[in-house]
PDB file of N, CA and C in Angstrom:
ATOM      1  N   MET A   1      85.909 100.624 112.558  1.00  0.00           N
ATOM      2  CA  MET A   1      86.844 100.489 111.795  1.00  0.00           C
ATOM      3  C   MET A   1      87.728  99.171 112.036  1.00  0.00           C
ATOM      4  N   ARG A   2      88.221  98.301 110.836  1.00  0.00           N
ATOM      5  CA  ARG A   2      88.672  96.627 111.350  1.00  0.00           C
ATOM      6  C   ARG A   2      90.336  97.330 110.705  1.00  0.00           C
ATOM      7  N   VAL A   3      91.153  96.616 111.622  1.00  0.00           N
ATOM      8  CA  VAL A   3      92.523  96.927 110.985  1.00  0.00           C
ATOM      9  C   VAL A   3      92.819  95.116 110.655  1.00  0.00           C
ATOM     10  N   ILE A   4      93.515  95.030 109.113  1.00  0.00           N
ATOM     11  CA  ILE A   4      93.779  93.857 109.050  1.00  0.00           C
ATOM     12  C   ILE A   4      95.160  93.813 108.386  1.00  0.00           C
ATOM     13  N   LEU A   5      95.900  92.887 109.128  1.00  0.00           N
ATOM     14  CA  LEU A   5      97.525  92.159 109.170  1.00  0.00           C
ATOM     15  C   LEU A   5      97.434  91.461 108.556  1.00  0.00           C
ATOM     16  N   ASP A   6      98.012  91.267 107.249  1.00  0.00           N
ATOM     17  CA  ASP A   6      98.076  90.301 106.099  1.00  0.00           C
ATOM     18  C   ASP A   6      99.584  89.756 106.634  1.00  0.00           C
ATOM     19  N   THR A   7      99.812  88.680 107.405  1.00  0.00           N
ATOM     20  CA  THR A   7     100.785  87.937 108.217  1.00  0.00           C
ATOM     21  C   THR A   7     101.410  87.358 107.142  1.00  0.00           C
ATOM     22  N   GLU A   8     101.195  87.157 106.037  1.00  0.00           N
ATOM     23  CA  GLU A   8     102.072  86.739 105.203  1.00  0.00           C
ATOM     24  C   GLU A   8     103.123  87.651 104.515  1.00  0.00           C
ATOM     25  N   LEU A   9     103.252  89.015 104.288  1.00  0.00           N
ATOM     26  CA  LEU A   9     103.727  90.262 103.941  1.00  0.00           C
ATOM     27  C   LEU A   9     104.599  90.786 105.184  1.00  0.00           C
ATOM     28  N   CYS A  10     103.703  90.891 106.375  1.00  0.00           N
ATOM     29  CA  CYS A  10     104.624  91.626 107.903  1.00  0.00           C
ATOM     30  C   CYS A  10     105.935  90.453 108.120  1.00  0.00           C
ATOM     31  N   GLU A  11     106.610  91.400 108.294  1.00  0.00           N
ATOM     32  CA  GLU A  11     108.548  91.337 108.276  1.00  0.00           C
ATOM     33  C   GLU A  11     108.721  91.593 109.981  1.00  0.00           C
ATOM     34  N   ALA A  12     107.705  92.140 110.465  1.00  0.00           N
ATOM     35  CA  ALA A  12     107.603  92.671 111.911  1.00  0.00           C
ATOM     36  C   ALA A  12     108.869  93.786 112.267  1.00  0.00           C
ATOM     37  N   ASN A  13     108.867  94.604 111.005  1.00  0.00           N
ATOM     38  CA  ASN A  13     109.832  95.646 111.001  1.00  0.00           C
ATOM     39  C   ASN A  13     109.740  96.543 112.195  1.00  0.00           C
ATOM     40  N   GLY A  14     108.437  96.680 113.038  1.00  0.00           N
ATOM     41  CA  GLY A  14     108.003  97.285 113.961  1.00  0.00           C
ATOM     42  C   GLY A  14     107.782  99.106 113.927  1.00  0.00           C
ATOM     43  N   GLN A  15     107.749  99.684 112.617  1.00  0.00           N
ATOM     44  CA  GLN A  15     107.568 100.637 112.081  1.00  0.00           C
ATOM     45  C   GLN A  15     105.559 100.908 112.778  1.00  0.00           C
ATOM     46  N   CYS A  16     104.811  99.969 112.242  1.00  0.00           N
ATOM     47  CA  CYS A  16     103.407 100.118 113.068  1.00  0.00           C
ATOM     48  C   CYS A  16     103.618 100.646 114.541  1.00  0.00           C
ATOM     49  N   GLU A  17     104.569  99.730 115.048  1.00  0.00           N
ATOM     50  CA  GLU A  17     104.829  99.774 116.691  1.00  0.00           C
ATOM     51  C   GLU A  17     105.180 101.603 117.056  1.00  0.00           C
ATOM     52  N   ILE A  18     105.941 102.056 116.305  1.00  0.00           N
ATOM     53  CA  ILE A  18     106.330 103.243 116.648  1.00  0.00           C
ATOM     54  C   ILE A  18     105.575 104.244 116.335  1.00  0.00           C
ATOM     55  N   MET A  19     104.205 104.022 115.476  1.00  0.00           N
ATOM     56  CA  MET A  19     103.636 104.858 115.221  1.00  0.00           C
ATOM     57  C   MET A  19     102.388 104.911 116.092  1.00  0.00           C
ATOM     58  N   ALA A  20     101.961 103.839 116.359  1.00  0.00           N
ATOM     59  CA  ALA A  20     101.091 102.911 117.577  1.00  0.00           C
ATOM     60  C   ALA A  20     101.014 102.351 118.398  1.00  0.00           C
ATOM     61  N   PRO A  21     101.893 103.135 119.434  1.00  0.00           N
ATOM     62  CA  PRO A  21     102.729 101.603 120.485  1.00  0.00           C
ATOM     63  C   PRO A  21     101.345 101.086 120.827  1.00  0.00           C
ATOM     64  N   ASP A  22     100.584 101.693 121.521  1.00  0.00           N
ATOM     65  CA  ASP A  22      99.100 100.814 121.945  1.00  0.00           C
ATOM     66  C   ASP A  22      98.489  99.998 121.137  1.00  0.00           C
ATOM     67  N   LEU A  23      98.748  99.981 119.850  1.00  0.00           N
ATOM     68  CA  LEU A  23      97.860  99.426 119.040  1.00  0.00           C
ATOM     69  C   LEU A  23      98.471  98.287 118.363  1.00  0.00           C
ATOM     70  N   PHE A  24      99.842  98.260 118.178  1.00  0.00           N
ATOM     71  CA  PHE A  24     100.608  97.470 117.684  1.00  0.00           C
ATOM     72  C   PHE A  24     101.712  97.156 118.146  1.00  0.00           C
ATOM     73  N   ARG A  25     102.094  95.752 118.599  1.00  0.00           N
ATOM     74  CA  ARG A  25     103.176  95.307 119.220  1.00  0.00           C
ATOM     75  C   ARG A  25     103.986  93.909 118.666  1.00  0.00           C
ATOM     76  N   VAL A  26     105.515  94.549 118.418  1.00  0.00           N
ATOM     77  CA  VAL A  26     106.004  93.599 117.943  1.00  0.00           C
ATOM     78  C   VAL A  26     106.356  92.305 118.838  1.00  0.00           C
ATOM     79  N   GLN A  27     106.097  91.315 119.047  1.00  0.00           N
ATOM     80  CA  GLN A  27     106.783  90.064 119.679  1.00  0.00           C
ATOM     81  C   GLN A  27     108.133  89.664 119.517  1.00  0.00           C
ATOM     82  N   ALA A  28     108.702  88.643 120.694  1.00  0.00           N
ATOM     83  CA  ALA A  28     109.585  88.132 120.575  1.00  0.00           C
ATOM     84  C   ALA A  28     109.639  87.298 119.619  1.00  0.00           C
ATOM     85  N   ASP A  29     108.701  86.383 119.108  1.00  0.00           N
ATOM     86  CA  ASP A  29     108.971  85.583 118.141  1.00  0.00           C
ATOM     87  C   ASP A  29     108.709  86.526 116.397  1.00  0.00           C
ATOM     88  N   ASN A  30     108.959  87.496 116.337  1.00  0.00           N
ATOM     89  CA  ASN A  30     108.666  88.207 115.520  1.00  0.00           C
ATOM     90  C   ASN A  30     106.974  88.035 114.890  1.00  0.00           C
ATOM     91  N   THR A  31     106.432  88.147 115.474  1.00  0.00           N
ATOM     92  CA  THR A  31     105.074  88.561 114.974  1.00  0.00           C
ATOM     93  C   THR A  31     104.468  89.662 115.519  1.00  0.00           C
ATOM     94  N   VAL A  32     103.288  90.539 115.020  1.00  0.00           N
ATOM     95  CA  VAL A  32     102.831  91.138 115.594  1.00  0.00           C
ATOM     96  C   VAL A  32     101.524  90.864 116.362  1.00  0.00           C
ATOM     97  N   LYS A  33     101.040  91.668 117.665  1.00  0.00           N
ATOM     98  CA  LYS A  33      99.865  91.389 118.152  1.00  0.00           C
ATOM     99  C   LYS A  33      99.274  92.563 117.782  1.00  0.00           C
ATOM    100  N   TYR A  34      98.060  92.895 117.513  1.00  0.00           N
ATOM    101  CA  TYR A  34      97.323  94.425 117.387  1.00  0.00           C
ATOM    102  C   TYR A  34      95.823  94.457 117.614  1.00  0.00           C
ATOM    103  N   GLU A  35      95.319  95.491 117.611  1.00  0.00           N
ATOM    104  CA  GLU A  35      94.219  95.882 118.142  1.00  0.00           C
ATOM    105  C   GLU A  35      93.417  95.870 116.895  1.00  0.00           C
ATOM    106  N   ALA A  36      92.212  94.591 116.783  1.00  0.00           N
ATOM    107  CA  ALA A  36      91.419  94.761 115.173  1.00  0.00           C
ATOM    108  C   ALA A  36      90.695  95.668 115.266  1.00  0.00           C
ATOM    109  N   ASN A  37      90.129  96.005 116.551  1.00  0.00           N
ATOM    110  CA  ASN A  37      88.623  96.662 116.055  1.00  0.00           C
ATOM    111  C   ASN A  37      88.906  98.102 117.011  1.00  0.00           C
ATOM    112  N   PRO A  38      90.028  99.134 116.536  1.00  0.00           N
ATOM    113  CA  PRO A  38      90.123 100.374 117.657  1.00  0.00           C
ATOM    114  C   PRO A  38      88.990 100.877 117.172  1.00  0.00           C
ATOM    115  N   ASP A  39      88.527 101.698 118.290  1.00  0.00           N
ATOM    116  CA  ASP A  39      87.422 102.860 117.971  1.00  0.00           C
ATOM    117  C   ASP A  39      88.119 103.887 117.512  1.00  0.00           C
ATOM    118  N   GLU A  40      87.032 104.234 116.328  1.00  0.00           N
ATOM    119  CA  GLU A  40      87.058 105.333 115.493  1.00  0.00           C
ATOM    120  C   GLU A  40      87.947 106.678 115.721  1.00  0.00           C
ATOM    121  N   ASP A  41      88.032 106.908 117.083  1.00  0.00           N
ATOM    122  CA  ASP A  41      89.067 108.083 117.268  1.00  0.00           C
ATOM    123  C   ASP A  41      90.255 107.899 117.274  1.00  0.00           C
ATOM    124  N   ARG A  42      90.709 106.796 117.209  1.00  0.00           N
ATOM    125  CA  ARG A  42      92.140 106.139 116.844  1.00  0.00           C
ATOM    126  C   ARG A  42      92.399 105.857 115.464  1.00  0.00           C
ATOM    127  N   ARG A  43      91.794 106.357 114.254  1.00  0.00           N
ATOM    128  CA  ARG A  43      91.768 105.961 113.074  1.00  0.00           C
ATOM    129  C   ARG A  43      93.345 106.625 112.574  1.00  0.00           C
ATOM    130  N   THR A  44      93.516 108.370 113.021  1.00  0.00           N
ATOM    131  CA  THR A  44      94.538 108.999 112.324  1.00  0.00           C
ATOM    132  C   THR A  44      95.981 108.234 112.790  1.00  0.00           C
ATOM    133  N   GLU A  45      96.105 106.859 114.056  1.00  0.00           N
ATOM    134  CA  GLU A  45      96.972 106.328 114.050  1.00  0.00           C
ATOM    135  C   GLU A  45      97.278 105.456 113.799  1.00  0.00           C
ATOM    136  N   VAL A  46      96.288 104.717 113.231  1.00  0.00           N
ATOM    137  CA  VAL A  46      96.075 103.498 112.652  1.00  0.00           C
ATOM    138  C   VAL A  46      96.507 103.820 111.020  1.00  0.00           C
ATOM    139  N   GLU A  47      96.109 104.820 110.423  1.00  0.00           N
ATOM    140  CA  GLU A  47      96.498 105.593 109.477  1.00  0.00           C
ATOM    141  C   GLU A  47      97.814 105.761 108.898  1.00  0.00           C
ATOM    142  N   ASP A  48      98.384 106.121 110.046  1.00  0.00           N
ATOM    143  CA  ASP A  48      99.919 106.425 110.322  1.00  0.00           C
ATOM    144  C   ASP A  48     100.786 104.937 110.205  1.00  0.00           C
ATOM    145  N   ALA A  49     100.429 103.899 110.799  1.00  0.00           N
ATOM    146  CA  ALA A  49     100.841 102.787 110.683  1.00  0.00           C
ATOM    147  C   ALA A  49     100.639 102.079 109.323  1.00  0.00           C
ATOM    148  N   VAL A  50      99.795 102.425 108.969  1.00  0.00           N
ATOM    149  CA  VAL A  50      99.762 101.496 107.503  1.00  0.00           C
ATOM    150  C   VAL A  50     100.507 102.473 106.554  1.00  0.00           C
ATOM    151  N   GLU A  51     100.678 103.666 106.989  1.00  0.00           N
ATOM    152  CA  GLU A  51     101.624 104.596 105.818  1.00  0.00           C
ATOM    153  C   GLU A  51     103.156 103.973 106.396  1.00  0.00           C
ATOM    154  N   ALA A  52     103.290 103.907 107.128  1.00  0.00           N
ATOM    155  CA  ALA A  52     104.966 103.475 107.968  1.00  0.00           C
ATOM    156  C   ALA A  52     104.971 102.156 107.498  1.00  0.00           C
ATOM    157  N   CYS A  53     104.208 101.060 107.276  1.00  0.00           N
ATOM    158  CA  CYS A  53     104.641  99.835 106.787  1.00  0.00           C
ATOM    159  C   CYS A  53     105.427  99.513 105.663  1.00  0.00           C
ATOM    160  N   PRO A  54     106.653  99.334 105.550  1.00  0.00           N
ATOM    161  CA  PRO A  54     107.251  99.213 104.468  1.00  0.00           C
ATOM    162  C   PRO A  54     107.138  98.181 103.475  1.00  0.00           C
ATOM    163  N   THR A  55     106.290  96.583 104.064  1.00  0.00           N
ATOM    164  CA  THR A  55     105.859  95.691 103.175  1.00  0.00           C
ATOM    165  C   THR A  55     103.874  95.982 102.998  1.00  0.00           C
ATOM    166  N   ARG A  56     103.765  96.898 103.123  1.00  0.00           N
ATOM    167  CA  ARG A  56     102.066  96.941 103.145  1.00  0.00           C
ATOM    168  C   ARG A  56     101.181  96.320 104.091  1.00  0.00           C
ATOM    169  N   ALA A  57     101.714  95.596 104.856  1.00  0.00           N
ATOM    170  CA  ALA A  57     100.936  94.370 105.405  1.00  0.00           C
ATOM    171  C   ALA A  57      99.685  94.752 106.081  1.00  0.00           C
ATOM    172  N   ILE A  58      99.430  96.454 106.512  1.00  0.00           N
ATOM    173  CA  ILE A  58      98.490  96.611 107.412  1.00  0.00           C
ATOM    174  C   ILE A  58      97.408  97.206 106.703  1.00  0.00           C
ATOM    175  N   ARG A  59      96.269  97.054 106.485  1.00  0.00           N
ATOM    176  CA  ARG A  59      95.099  97.749 106.042  1.00  0.00           C
ATOM    177  C   ARG A  59      93.892  97.873 106.968  1.00  0.00           C
ATOM    178  N   ILE A  60      93.272  98.636 106.441  1.00  0.00           N
ATOM    179  CA  ILE A  60      92.112  99.290 107.349  1.00  0.00           C
ATOM    180  C   ILE A  60      90.950  99.189 106.510  1.00  0.00           C
ATOM    181  N   LYS A  61      89.584  98.348 107.113  1.00  0.00           N
ATOM    182  CA  LYS A  61      88.248  98.055 106.565  1.00  0.00           C
ATOM    183  C   LYS A  61      87.343  98.776 107.438  1.00  0.00           C
ATOM    184  N   SER A  62      86.649  99.683 106.520  1.00  0.00           N
ATOM    185  CA  SER A  62      85.504 100.183 107.337  1.00  0.00           C
ATOM    186  C   SER A  62      84.830  99.521 107.949  1.00  0.00           C
TER     187      SER A  62
END
């Protein structure tokens, strides 16, 4: 699985970090560091982060 974060849409609201704190981290400069290739067993957490993102900046590519 591959996680794609659209930096043009991302507003660093932190909802992804709430849903999957070890996969997404909002930085002090309001950018988001994230695990681009998490293991498949983390899919549910990533899907939760995708759903929680208010700007729909995160997507999954299988």
